[in-house]
Amino acid sequence: MPRVKRGTLHLKKRKKLLKAVKGYKWGRKKTIKLARPAMLKAGAYAYRDRRAKKRSFRSLWQIQISAACKELGLSYSKFINKLKVANVEVDRKILSQIARENPTIFAKIVKKVNVS
């Protein structure tokens, strides 16, 4: 069986790795031995934090809605419960945006929910 040399593929793989870690600090940007685990860790952190981002934004929206509700004399949990009872299907992202940008409209929503 003939011998197969893979020098070009090896170089291609290394160049691809070094291109991916461009901009990293210290030896991780130029040393293959340090670059490979740095790239793997970066990928793992990116995957994890794409999910954590969703959690942190939802928490931020809840805080903003809660602050807007407290100004109107209502707690966050009671407000959300009354929204569900009144079948108002507006998500927290939109509610927090309304609370920030249009407090008068948010007050009308709270008043409508309180009456129901």
PDB file of N, CA and C in Angstrom:
ATOM      1  N   MET A   1       0.840  -1.186   0.000  1.00  0.00           N
ATOM      2  CA  MET A   1       0.000   0.000   0.000  1.00  0.00           C
ATOM      3  C   MET A   1       0.883   1.247   0.000  1.00  0.00           C
ATOM      4  N   PRO A   2       0.565   2.223  -0.851  1.00  0.00           N
ATOM      5  CA  PRO A   2       1.411   3.413  -0.914  1.00  0.00           C
ATOM      6  C   PRO A   2       1.229   4.325   0.300  1.00  0.00           C
ATOM      7  N   ARG A   3       2.284   5.057   0.567  1.00  0.00           N
ATOM      8  CA  ARG A   3       2.280   5.978   1.704  1.00  0.00           C
ATOM      9  C   ARG A   3       1.527   7.262   1.333  1.00  0.00           C
ATOM     10  N   VAL A   4       0.696   7.743   2.264  1.00  0.00           N
ATOM     11  CA  VAL A   4      -0.056   8.976   2.020  1.00  0.00           C
ATOM     12  C   VAL A   4       0.493  10.058   2.938  1.00  0.00           C
ATOM     13  N   LYS A   5       0.967  11.140   2.327  1.00  0.00           N
ATOM     14  CA  LYS A   5       1.474  12.259   3.109  1.00  0.00           C
ATOM     15  C   LYS A   5       0.367  13.290   3.271  1.00  0.00           C
ATOM     16  N   ARG A   6       0.242  13.829   4.461  1.00  0.00           N
ATOM     17  CA  ARG A   6      -0.860  14.759   4.737  1.00  0.00           C
ATOM     18  C   ARG A   6      -0.361  16.127   5.195  1.00  0.00           C
ATOM     19  N   GLY A   7       0.763  16.540   4.736  1.00  0.00           N
ATOM     20  CA  GLY A   7       1.355  17.807   5.147  1.00  0.00           C
ATOM     21  C   GLY A   7       0.481  19.007   4.828  1.00  0.00           C
ATOM     22  N   THR A   8      -0.092  19.025   3.619  1.00  0.00           N
ATOM     23  CA  THR A   8      -0.913  20.176   3.231  1.00  0.00           C
ATOM     24  C   THR A   8      -2.177  20.265   4.079  1.00  0.00           C
ATOM     25  N   LEU A   9      -2.797  19.129   4.359  1.00  0.00           N
ATOM     26  CA  LEU A   9      -4.006  19.121   5.189  1.00  0.00           C
ATOM     27  C   LEU A   9      -3.689  19.575   6.613  1.00  0.00           C
ATOM     28  N   HIS A  10      -2.533  19.124   7.106  1.00  0.00           N
ATOM     29  CA  HIS A  10      -2.109  19.497   8.465  1.00  0.00           C
ATOM     30  C   HIS A  10      -1.919  21.016   8.563  1.00  0.00           C
ATOM     31  N   LEU A  11      -1.251  21.589   7.556  1.00  0.00           N
ATOM     32  CA  LEU A  11      -1.030  23.030   7.554  1.00  0.00           C
ATOM     33  C   LEU A  11      -2.346  23.801   7.437  1.00  0.00           C
ATOM     34  N   LYS A  12      -3.241  23.276   6.609  1.00  0.00           N
ATOM     35  CA  LYS A  12      -4.550  23.920   6.419  1.00  0.00           C
ATOM     36  C   LYS A  12      -5.319  23.958   7.740  1.00  0.00           C
ATOM     37  N   LYS A  13      -5.270  22.846   8.461  1.00  0.00           N
ATOM     38  CA  LYS A  13      -5.963  22.739   9.746  1.00  0.00           C
ATOM     39  C   LYS A  13      -5.381  23.727  10.762  1.00  0.00           C
ATOM     40  N   ARG A  14      -4.054  23.840  10.783  1.00  0.00           N
ATOM     41  CA  ARG A  14      -3.389  24.760  11.718  1.00  0.00           C
ATOM     42  C   ARG A  14      -3.683  26.211  11.377  1.00  0.00           C
ATOM     43  N   LYS A  15      -3.676  26.530  10.074  1.00  0.00           N
ATOM     44  CA  LYS A  15      -3.975  27.905   9.652  1.00  0.00           C
ATOM     45  C   LYS A  15      -5.400  28.283  10.020  1.00  0.00           C
ATOM     46  N   LYS A  16      -6.314  27.331   9.850  1.00  0.00           N
ATOM     47  CA  LYS A  16      -7.723  27.564  10.193  1.00  0.00           C
ATOM     48  C   LYS A  16      -7.861  27.832  11.694  1.00  0.00           C
ATOM     49  N   LEU A  17      -7.141  27.060  12.502  1.00  0.00           N
ATOM     50  CA  LEU A  17      -7.159  27.229  13.955  1.00  0.00           C
ATOM     51  C   LEU A  17      -6.600  28.596  14.346  1.00  0.00           C
ATOM     52  N   LEU A  18      -5.460  28.969  13.760  1.00  0.00           N
ATOM     53  CA  LEU A  18      -4.838  30.248  14.110  1.00  0.00           C
ATOM     54  C   LEU A  18      -5.691  31.431  13.645  1.00  0.00           C
ATOM     55  N   LYS A  19      -6.409  31.250  12.546  1.00  0.00           N
ATOM     56  CA  LYS A  19      -7.303  32.308  12.076  1.00  0.00           C
ATOM     57  C   LYS A  19      -8.466  32.480  13.061  1.00  0.00           C
ATOM     58  N   ALA A  20      -8.929  31.361  13.628  1.00  0.00           N
ATOM     59  CA  ALA A  20     -10.051  31.410  14.575  1.00  0.00           C
ATOM     60  C   ALA A  20      -9.674  32.085  15.886  1.00  0.00           C
ATOM     61  N   VAL A  21      -8.407  31.950  16.310  1.00  0.00           N
ATOM     62  CA  VAL A  21      -7.989  32.517  17.591  1.00  0.00           C
ATOM     63  C   VAL A  21      -7.299  33.869  17.444  1.00  0.00           C
ATOM     64  N   LYS A  22      -7.394  34.456  16.263  1.00  0.00           N
ATOM     65  CA  LYS A  22      -6.796  35.765  16.040  1.00  0.00           C
ATOM     66  C   LYS A  22      -7.441  36.778  16.978  1.00  0.00           C
ATOM     67  N   GLY A  23      -6.624  37.537  17.689  1.00  0.00           N
ATOM     68  CA  GLY A  23      -7.145  38.520  18.622  1.00  0.00           C
ATOM     69  C   GLY A  23      -7.135  38.054  20.066  1.00  0.00           C
ATOM     70  N   TYR A  24      -6.859  36.769  20.291  1.00  0.00           N
ATOM     71  CA  TYR A  24      -6.753  36.285  21.667  1.00  0.00           C
ATOM     72  C   TYR A  24      -5.482  36.836  22.293  1.00  0.00           C
ATOM     73  N   LYS A  25      -5.410  36.817  23.624  1.00  0.00           N
ATOM     74  CA  LYS A  25      -4.250  37.368  24.325  1.00  0.00           C
ATOM     75  C   LYS A  25      -3.136  36.333  24.464  1.00  0.00           C
ATOM     76  N   TRP A  26      -1.937  36.864  24.671  1.00  0.00           N
ATOM     77  CA  TRP A  26      -0.740  36.100  24.990  1.00  0.00           C
ATOM     78  C   TRP A  26      -0.449  35.009  23.962  1.00  0.00           C
ATOM     79  N   GLY A  27       0.004  33.857  24.416  1.00  0.00           N
ATOM     80  CA  GLY A  27       0.430  32.819  23.477  1.00  0.00           C
ATOM     81  C   GLY A  27      -0.718  32.090  22.809  1.00  0.00           C
ATOM     82  N   ARG A  28      -1.921  32.339  23.280  1.00  0.00           N
ATOM     83  CA  ARG A  28      -3.068  31.608  22.734  1.00  0.00           C
ATOM     84  C   ARG A  28      -3.379  31.993  21.300  1.00  0.00           C
ATOM     85  N   LYS A  29      -2.829  33.111  20.834  1.00  0.00           N
ATOM     86  CA  LYS A  29      -3.096  33.532  19.460  1.00  0.00           C
ATOM     87  C   LYS A  29      -2.072  33.002  18.461  1.00  0.00           C
ATOM     88  N   LYS A  30      -0.936  32.500  18.956  1.00  0.00           N
ATOM     89  CA  LYS A  30       0.104  32.083  18.014  1.00  0.00           C
ATOM     90  C   LYS A  30       0.667  30.687  18.265  1.00  0.00           C
ATOM     91  N   THR A  31       0.366  30.092  19.403  1.00  0.00           N
ATOM     92  CA  THR A  31       0.880  28.763  19.718  1.00  0.00           C
ATOM     93  C   THR A  31      -0.231  27.739  19.558  1.00  0.00           C
ATOM     94  N   ILE A  32       0.009  26.749  18.732  1.00  0.00           N
ATOM     95  CA  ILE A  32      -1.015  25.737  18.447  1.00  0.00           C
ATOM     96  C   ILE A  32      -1.452  25.030  19.732  1.00  0.00           C
ATOM     97  N   LYS A  33      -0.472  24.695  20.565  1.00  0.00           N
ATOM     98  CA  LYS A  33      -0.746  23.944  21.791  1.00  0.00           C
ATOM     99  C   LYS A  33      -1.686  24.725  22.729  1.00  0.00           C
ATOM    100  N   LEU A  34      -1.551  26.047  22.754  1.00  0.00           N
ATOM    101  CA  LEU A  34      -2.396  26.875  23.604  1.00  0.00           C
ATOM    102  C   LEU A  34      -3.671  27.329  22.882  1.00  0.00           C
ATOM    103  N   ALA A  35      -3.582  27.418  21.565  1.00  0.00           N
ATOM    104  CA  ALA A  35      -4.717  27.928  20.792  1.00  0.00           C
ATOM    105  C   ALA A  35      -5.882  26.944  20.756  1.00  0.00           C
ATOM    106  N   ARG A  36      -5.582  25.665  20.634  1.00  0.00           N
ATOM    107  CA  ARG A  36      -6.655  24.662  20.500  1.00  0.00           C
ATOM    108  C   ARG A  36      -7.583  24.639  21.715  1.00  0.00           C
ATOM    109  N   PRO A  37      -7.056  24.496  22.956  1.00  0.00           N
ATOM    110  CA  PRO A  37      -7.976  24.512  24.102  1.00  0.00           C
ATOM    111  C   PRO A  37      -8.659  25.870  24.300  1.00  0.00           C
ATOM    112  N   ALA A  38      -7.960  26.956  23.921  1.00  0.00           N
ATOM    113  CA  ALA A  38      -8.576  28.282  24.050  1.00  0.00           C
ATOM    114  C   ALA A  38      -9.786  28.390  23.135  1.00  0.00           C
ATOM    115  N   MET A  39      -9.662  27.860  21.918  1.00  0.00           N
ATOM    116  CA  MET A  39     -10.773  27.903  20.966  1.00  0.00           C
ATOM    117  C   MET A  39     -11.936  27.024  21.442  1.00  0.00           C
ATOM    118  N   LEU A  40     -11.614  25.858  21.973  1.00  0.00           N
ATOM    119  CA  LEU A  40     -12.665  24.960  22.470  1.00  0.00           C
ATOM    120  C   LEU A  40     -13.404  25.588  23.646  1.00  0.00           C
ATOM    121  N   LYS A  41     -12.652  26.206  24.554  1.00  0.00           N
ATOM    122  CA  LYS A  41     -13.272  26.880  25.700  1.00  0.00           C
ATOM    123  C   LYS A  41     -14.159  28.029  25.237  1.00  0.00           C
ATOM    124  N   ALA A  42     -13.658  28.800  24.272  1.00  0.00           N
ATOM    125  CA  ALA A  42     -14.414  29.947  23.764  1.00  0.00           C
ATOM    126  C   ALA A  42     -15.739  29.483  23.174  1.00  0.00           C
ATOM    127  N   GLY A  43     -15.700  28.375  22.443  1.00  0.00           N
ATOM    128  CA  GLY A  43     -16.928  27.833  21.862  1.00  0.00           C
ATOM    129  C   GLY A  43     -17.907  27.394  22.932  1.00  0.00           C
ATOM    130  N   ALA A  44     -17.387  26.763  23.979  1.00  0.00           N
ATOM    131  CA  ALA A  44     -18.245  26.302  25.076  1.00  0.00           C
ATOM    132  C   ALA A  44     -18.876  27.485  25.803  1.00  0.00           C
ATOM    133  N   TYR A  45     -18.072  28.525  26.047  1.00  0.00           N
ATOM    134  CA  TYR A  45     -18.597  29.715  26.722  1.00  0.00           C
ATOM    135  C   TYR A  45     -19.641  30.412  25.857  1.00  0.00           C
ATOM    136  N   ALA A  46     -19.390  30.481  24.560  1.00  0.00           N
ATOM    137  CA  ALA A  46     -20.333  31.135  23.650  1.00  0.00           C
ATOM    138  C   ALA A  46     -21.674  30.400  23.654  1.00  0.00           C
ATOM    139  N   TYR A  47     -21.616  29.070  23.616  1.00  0.00           N
ATOM    140  CA  TYR A  47     -22.837  28.257  23.627  1.00  0.00           C
ATOM    141  C   TYR A  47     -23.608  28.476  24.932  1.00  0.00           C
ATOM    142  N   ARG A  48     -22.886  28.420  26.037  1.00  0.00           N
ATOM    143  CA  ARG A  48     -23.507  28.593  27.351  1.00  0.00           C
ATOM    144  C   ARG A  48     -24.139  29.977  27.485  1.00  0.00           C
ATOM    145  N   ASP A  49     -23.412  30.988  27.057  1.00  0.00           N
ATOM    146  CA  ASP A  49     -23.875  32.350  27.278  1.00  0.00           C
ATOM    147  C   ASP A  49     -24.972  32.789  26.318  1.00  0.00           C
ATOM    148  N   ARG A  50     -25.122  32.095  25.197  1.00  0.00           N
ATOM    149  CA  ARG A  50     -26.277  32.388  24.346  1.00  0.00           C
ATOM    150  C   ARG A  50     -27.562  32.026  25.064  1.00  0.00           C
ATOM    151  N   ARG A  51     -27.501  31.031  25.922  1.00  0.00           N
ATOM    152  CA  ARG A  51     -28.676  30.652  26.718  1.00  0.00           C
ATOM    153  C   ARG A  51     -28.827  31.547  27.949  1.00  0.00           C
ATOM    154  N   ALA A  52     -27.708  31.888  28.567  1.00  0.00           N
ATOM    155  CA  ALA A  52     -27.740  32.745  29.761  1.00  0.00           C
ATOM    156  C   ALA A  52     -28.250  34.143  29.413  1.00  0.00           C
ATOM    157  N   LYS A  53     -27.976  34.591  28.195  1.00  0.00           N
ATOM    158  CA  LYS A  53     -28.417  35.914  27.746  1.00  0.00           C
ATOM    159  C   LYS A  53     -29.940  36.018  27.792  1.00  0.00           C
ATOM    160  N   LYS A  54     -30.616  34.966  27.390  1.00  0.00           N
ATOM    161  CA  LYS A  54     -32.081  34.951  27.397  1.00  0.00           C
ATOM    162  C   LYS A  54     -32.615  35.077  28.824  1.00  0.00           C
ATOM    163  N   ARG A  55     -31.970  34.376  29.758  1.00  0.00           N
ATOM    164  CA  ARG A  55     -32.377  34.450  31.163  1.00  0.00           C
ATOM    165  C   ARG A  55     -32.164  35.837  31.738  1.00  0.00           C
ATOM    166  N   SER A  56     -31.006  36.420  31.436  1.00  0.00           N
ATOM    167  CA  SER A  56     -30.693  37.718  32.035  1.00  0.00           C
ATOM    168  C   SER A  56     -31.594  38.822  31.475  1.00  0.00           C
ATOM    169  N   PHE A  57     -31.946  38.732  30.196  1.00  0.00           N
ATOM    170  CA  PHE A  57     -32.842  39.737  29.631  1.00  0.00           C
ATOM    171  C   PHE A  57     -34.242  39.617  30.219  1.00  0.00           C
ATOM    172  N   ARG A  58     -34.724  38.384  30.393  1.00  0.00           N
ATOM    173  CA  ARG A  58     -36.046  38.196  30.992  1.00  0.00           C
ATOM    174  C   ARG A  58     -36.073  38.783  32.405  1.00  0.00           C
ATOM    175  N   SER A  59     -35.001  38.571  33.156  1.00  0.00           N
ATOM    176  CA  SER A  59     -34.895  39.120  34.501  1.00  0.00           C
ATOM    177  C   SER A  59     -34.917  40.649  34.471  1.00  0.00           C
ATOM    178  N   LEU A  60     -34.212  41.242  33.516  1.00  0.00           N
ATOM    179  CA  LEU A  60     -34.193  42.692  33.371  1.00  0.00           C
ATOM    180  C   LEU A  60     -35.585  43.236  33.069  1.00  0.00           C
ATOM    181  N   TRP A  61     -36.315  42.546  32.167  1.00  0.00           N
ATOM    182  CA  TRP A  61     -37.671  42.992  31.826  1.00  0.00           C
ATOM    183  C   TRP A  61     -38.585  42.922  33.049  1.00  0.00           C
ATOM    184  N   GLN A  62     -38.430  41.872  33.842  1.00  0.00           N
ATOM    185  CA  GLN A  62     -39.258  41.734  35.042  1.00  0.00           C
ATOM    186  C   GLN A  62     -38.980  42.874  36.014  1.00  0.00           C
ATOM    187  N   ILE A  63     -37.732  43.250  36.180  1.00  0.00           N
ATOM    188  CA  ILE A  63     -37.361  44.346  37.084  1.00  0.00           C
ATOM    189  C   ILE A  63     -37.963  45.659  36.597  1.00  0.00           C
ATOM    190  N   GLN A  64     -37.894  45.898  35.288  1.00  0.00           N
ATOM    191  CA  GLN A  64     -38.431  47.136  34.725  1.00  0.00           C
ATOM    192  C   GLN A  64     -39.944  47.211  34.882  1.00  0.00           C
ATOM    193  N   ILE A  65     -40.635  46.095  34.626  1.00  0.00           N
ATOM    194  CA  ILE A  65     -42.094  46.063  34.790  1.00  0.00           C
ATOM    195  C   ILE A  65     -42.457  46.266  36.251  1.00  0.00           C
ATOM    196  N   SER A  66     -41.710  45.609  37.137  1.00  0.00           N
ATOM    197  CA  SER A  66     -41.957  45.731  38.573  1.00  0.00           C
ATOM    198  C   SER A  66     -41.829  47.182  39.030  1.00  0.00           C
ATOM    199  N   ALA A  67     -40.787  47.873  38.570  1.00  0.00           N
ATOM    200  CA  ALA A  67     -40.578  49.274  38.952  1.00  0.00           C
ATOM    201  C   ALA A  67     -41.732  50.141  38.458  1.00  0.00           C
ATOM    202  N   ALA A  68     -42.185  49.886  37.233  1.00  0.00           N
ATOM    203  CA  ALA A  68     -43.286  50.668  36.677  1.00  0.00           C
ATOM    204  C   ALA A  68     -44.589  50.383  37.420  1.00  0.00           C
ATOM    205  N   CYS A  69     -44.784  49.135  37.827  1.00  0.00           N
ATOM    206  CA  CYS A  69     -46.001  48.760  38.567  1.00  0.00           C
ATOM    207  C   CYS A  69     -46.014  49.392  39.951  1.00  0.00           C
ATOM    208  N   LYS A  70     -44.873  49.419  40.616  1.00  0.00           N
ATOM    209  CA  LYS A  70     -44.794  49.984  41.970  1.00  0.00           C
ATOM    210  C   LYS A  70     -45.133  51.470  41.974  1.00  0.00           C
ATOM    211  N   GLU A  71     -44.790  52.164  40.886  1.00  0.00           N
ATOM    212  CA  GLU A  71     -45.160  53.578  40.783  1.00  0.00           C
ATOM    213  C   GLU A  71     -46.673  53.753  40.738  1.00  0.00           C
ATOM    214  N   LEU A  72     -47.346  52.727  40.212  1.00  0.00           N
ATOM    215  CA  LEU A  72     -48.808  52.776  40.090  1.00  0.00           C
ATOM    216  C   LEU A  72     -49.505  52.050  41.241  1.00  0.00           C
ATOM    217  N   GLY A  73     -48.743  51.633  42.242  1.00  0.00           N
ATOM    218  CA  GLY A  73     -49.308  51.027  43.438  1.00  0.00           C
ATOM    219  C   GLY A  73     -49.739  49.585  43.274  1.00  0.00           C
ATOM    220  N   LEU A  74     -49.006  48.829  42.484  1.00  0.00           N
ATOM    221  CA  LEU A  74     -49.340  47.423  42.243  1.00  0.00           C
ATOM    222  C   LEU A  74     -48.053  46.617  42.227  1.00  0.00           C
ATOM    223  N   SER A  75     -48.096  45.411  42.772  1.00  0.00           N
ATOM    224  CA  SER A  75     -46.885  44.581  42.745  1.00  0.00           C
ATOM    225  C   SER A  75     -46.796  43.848  41.410  1.00  0.00           C
ATOM    226  N   TYR A  76     -45.586  43.419  41.080  1.00  0.00           N
ATOM    227  CA  TYR A  76     -45.335  42.737  39.803  1.00  0.00           C
ATOM    228  C   TYR A  76     -46.151  41.457  39.695  1.00  0.00           C
ATOM    229  N   SER A  77     -46.137  40.648  40.749  1.00  0.00           N
ATOM    230  CA  SER A  77     -46.809  39.347  40.696  1.00  0.00           C
ATOM    231  C   SER A  77     -48.325  39.505  40.529  1.00  0.00           C
ATOM    232  N   LYS A  78     -48.906  40.484  41.230  1.00  0.00           N
ATOM    233  CA  LYS A  78     -50.341  40.726  41.094  1.00  0.00           C
ATOM    234  C   LYS A  78     -50.681  41.225  39.691  1.00  0.00           C
ATOM    235  N   PHE A  79     -49.799  42.074  39.148  1.00  0.00           N
ATOM    236  CA  PHE A  79     -50.015  42.600  37.805  1.00  0.00           C
ATOM    237  C   PHE A  79     -50.000  41.480  36.765  1.00  0.00           C
ATOM    238  N   ILE A  80     -49.023  40.599  36.847  1.00  0.00           N
ATOM    239  CA  ILE A  80     -48.915  39.481  35.899  1.00  0.00           C
ATOM    240  C   ILE A  80     -50.105  38.543  36.043  1.00  0.00           C
ATOM    241  N   ASN A  81     -50.523  38.301  37.276  1.00  0.00           N
ATOM    242  CA  ASN A  81     -51.690  37.452  37.509  1.00  0.00           C
ATOM    243  C   ASN A  81     -52.943  38.070  36.887  1.00  0.00           C
ATOM    244  N   LYS A  82     -53.121  39.363  37.084  1.00  0.00           N
ATOM    245  CA  LYS A  82     -54.298  40.039  36.525  1.00  0.00           C
ATOM    246  C   LYS A  82     -54.247  40.067  34.996  1.00  0.00           C
ATOM    247  N   LEU A  83     -53.055  40.149  34.430  1.00  0.00           N
ATOM    248  CA  LEU A  83     -52.926  40.061  32.964  1.00  0.00           C
ATOM    249  C   LEU A  83     -53.404  38.709  32.463  1.00  0.00           C
ATOM    250  N   LYS A  84     -53.022  37.653  33.171  1.00  0.00           N
ATOM    251  CA  LYS A  84     -53.421  36.299  32.768  1.00  0.00           C
ATOM    252  C   LYS A  84     -54.919  36.101  32.914  1.00  0.00           C
ATOM    253  N   VAL A  85     -55.489  36.622  34.007  1.00  0.00           N
ATOM    254  CA  VAL A  85     -56.940  36.501  34.239  1.00  0.00           C
ATOM    255  C   VAL A  85     -57.718  37.254  33.163  1.00  0.00           C
ATOM    256  N   ALA A  86     -57.205  38.421  32.753  1.00  0.00           N
ATOM    257  CA  ALA A  86     -57.878  39.256  31.753  1.00  0.00           C
ATOM    258  C   ALA A  86     -57.577  38.799  30.322  1.00  0.00           C
ATOM    259  N   ASN A  87     -56.806  37.714  30.165  1.00  0.00           N
ATOM    260  CA  ASN A  87     -56.412  37.184  28.852  1.00  0.00           C
ATOM    261  C   ASN A  87     -55.700  38.222  27.979  1.00  0.00           C
ATOM    262  N   VAL A  88     -54.853  39.027  28.589  1.00  0.00           N
ATOM    263  CA  VAL A  88     -54.042  39.984  27.841  1.00  0.00           C
ATOM    264  C   VAL A  88     -52.722  39.280  27.528  1.00  0.00           C
ATOM    265  N   GLU A  89     -52.488  39.040  26.249  1.00  0.00           N
ATOM    266  CA  GLU A  89     -51.301  38.282  25.855  1.00  0.00           C
ATOM    267  C   GLU A  89     -50.230  39.219  25.306  1.00  0.00           C
ATOM    268  N   VAL A  90     -49.568  39.921  26.210  1.00  0.00           N
ATOM    269  CA  VAL A  90     -48.441  40.769  25.853  1.00  0.00           C
ATOM    270  C   VAL A  90     -47.243  40.242  26.628  1.00  0.00           C
ATOM    271  N   ASP A  91     -46.153  39.971  25.925  1.00  0.00           N
ATOM    272  CA  ASP A  91     -45.004  39.390  26.616  1.00  0.00           C
ATOM    273  C   ASP A  91     -44.236  40.447  27.418  1.00  0.00           C
ATOM    274  N   ARG A  92     -43.341  39.966  28.264  1.00  0.00           N
ATOM    275  CA  ARG A  92     -42.630  40.840  29.195  1.00  0.00           C
ATOM    276  C   ARG A  92     -41.718  41.828  28.481  1.00  0.00           C
ATOM    277  N   LYS A  93     -41.164  41.405  27.362  1.00  0.00           N
ATOM    278  CA  LYS A  93     -40.278  42.299  26.610  1.00  0.00           C
ATOM    279  C   LYS A  93     -41.040  43.543  26.157  1.00  0.00           C
ATOM    280  N   ILE A  94     -42.212  43.337  25.583  1.00  0.00           N
ATOM    281  CA  ILE A  94     -43.015  44.457  25.089  1.00  0.00           C
ATOM    282  C   ILE A  94     -43.535  45.299  26.252  1.00  0.00           C
ATOM    283  N   LEU A  95     -43.957  44.641  27.331  1.00  0.00           N
ATOM    284  CA  LEU A  95     -44.440  45.375  28.501  1.00  0.00           C
ATOM    285  C   LEU A  95     -43.357  46.286  29.074  1.00  0.00           C
ATOM    286  N   SER A  96     -42.137  45.774  29.167  1.00  0.00           N
ATOM    287  CA  SER A  96     -41.057  46.597  29.721  1.00  0.00           C
ATOM    288  C   SER A  96     -40.722  47.755  28.787  1.00  0.00           C
ATOM    289  N   GLN A  97     -40.805  47.502  27.497  1.00  0.00           N
ATOM    290  CA  GLN A  97     -40.544  48.561  26.526  1.00  0.00           C
ATOM    291  C   GLN A  97     -41.606  49.658  26.631  1.00  0.00           C
ATOM    292  N   ILE A  98     -42.859  49.256  26.762  1.00  0.00           N
ATOM    293  CA  ILE A  98     -43.947  50.230  26.934  1.00  0.00           C
ATOM    294  C   ILE A  98     -43.759  51.005  28.236  1.00  0.00           C
ATOM    295  N   ALA A  99     -43.405  50.288  29.301  1.00  0.00           N
ATOM    296  CA  ALA A  99     -43.213  50.927  30.605  1.00  0.00           C
ATOM    297  C   ALA A  99     -42.100  51.970  30.559  1.00  0.00           C
ATOM    298  N   ARG A 100     -41.036  51.682  29.793  1.00  0.00           N
ATOM    299  CA  ARG A 100     -39.912  52.614  29.679  1.00  0.00           C
ATOM    300  C   ARG A 100     -40.240  53.807  28.790  1.00  0.00           C
ATOM    301  N   GLU A 101     -40.804  53.520  27.618  1.00  0.00           N
ATOM    302  CA  GLU A 101     -40.956  54.564  26.601  1.00  0.00           C
ATOM    303  C   GLU A 101     -42.282  55.318  26.672  1.00  0.00           C
ATOM    304  N   ASN A 102     -43.354  54.638  27.110  1.00  0.00           N
ATOM    305  CA  ASN A 102     -44.678  55.259  27.155  1.00  0.00           C
ATOM    306  C   ASN A 102     -45.368  54.957  28.485  1.00  0.00           C
ATOM    307  N   PRO A 103     -44.975  55.624  29.555  1.00  0.00           N
ATOM    308  CA  PRO A 103     -45.562  55.338  30.867  1.00  0.00           C
ATOM    309  C   PRO A 103     -47.074  55.576  30.914  1.00  0.00           C
ATOM    310  N   THR A 104     -47.582  56.509  30.112  1.00  0.00           N
ATOM    311  CA  THR A 104     -49.033  56.771  30.124  1.00  0.00           C
ATOM    312  C   THR A 104     -49.800  55.578  29.559  1.00  0.00           C
ATOM    313  N   ILE A 105     -49.286  54.992  28.496  1.00  0.00           N
ATOM    314  CA  ILE A 105     -49.938  53.807  27.917  1.00  0.00           C
ATOM    315  C   ILE A 105     -49.853  52.639  28.885  1.00  0.00           C
ATOM    316  N   PHE A 106     -48.704  52.500  29.571  1.00  0.00           N
ATOM    317  CA  PHE A 106     -48.562  51.433  30.561  1.00  0.00           C
ATOM    318  C   PHE A 106     -49.569  51.628  31.690  1.00  0.00           C
ATOM    319  N   ALA A 107     -49.781  52.873  32.102  1.00  0.00           N
ATOM    320  CA  ALA A 107     -50.768  53.157  33.158  1.00  0.00           C
ATOM    321  C   ALA A 107     -52.170  52.765  32.707  1.00  0.00           C
ATOM    322  N   LYS A 108     -52.467  52.979  31.418  1.00  0.00           N
ATOM    323  CA  LYS A 108     -53.779  52.577  30.885  1.00  0.00           C
ATOM    324  C   LYS A 108     -53.941  51.063  30.900  1.00  0.00           C
ATOM    325  N   ILE A 109     -52.854  50.349  30.578  1.00  0.00           N
ATOM    326  CA  ILE A 109     -52.897  48.875  30.612  1.00  0.00           C
ATOM    327  C   ILE A 109     -53.157  48.401  32.033  1.00  0.00           C
ATOM    328  N   VAL A 110     -52.456  49.000  32.994  1.00  0.00           N
ATOM    329  CA  VAL A 110     -52.631  48.619  34.399  1.00  0.00           C
ATOM    330  C   VAL A 110     -54.064  48.907  34.850  1.00  0.00           C
ATOM    331  N   LYS A 111     -54.586  50.073  34.453  1.00  0.00           N
ATOM    332  CA  LYS A 111     -55.950  50.440  34.835  1.00  0.00           C
ATOM    333  C   LYS A 111     -56.966  49.468  34.231  1.00  0.00           C
ATOM    334  N   LYS A 112     -56.768  49.083  32.982  1.00  0.00           N
ATOM    335  CA  LYS A 112     -57.677  48.144  32.300  1.00  0.00           C
ATOM    336  C   LYS A 112     -57.658  46.784  32.990  1.00  0.00           C
ATOM    337  N   VAL A 113     -56.467  46.350  33.357  1.00  0.00           N
ATOM    338  CA  VAL A 113     -56.315  45.052  34.023  1.00  0.00           C
ATOM    339  C   VAL A 113     -56.931  45.097  35.432  1.00  0.00           C
ATOM    340  N   ASN A 114     -56.738  46.205  36.152  1.00  0.00           N
ATOM    341  CA  ASN A 114     -57.257  46.340  37.503  1.00  0.00           C
ATOM    342  C   ASN A 114     -58.780  46.323  37.514  1.00  0.00           C
ATOM    343  N   VAL A 115     -59.402  46.914  36.492  1.00  0.00           N
ATOM    344  CA  VAL A 115     -60.866  46.962  36.425  1.00  0.00           C
ATOM    345  C   VAL A 115     -61.444  45.601  36.158  1.00  0.00           C
ATOM    346  N   SER A 116     -60.781  44.822  35.286  1.00  0.00           N
ATOM    347  CA  SER A 116     -61.291  43.495  34.902  1.00  0.00           C
ATOM    348  C   SER A 116     -61.348  42.533  36.049  1.00  0.00           C
TER     349      SER A 116
END
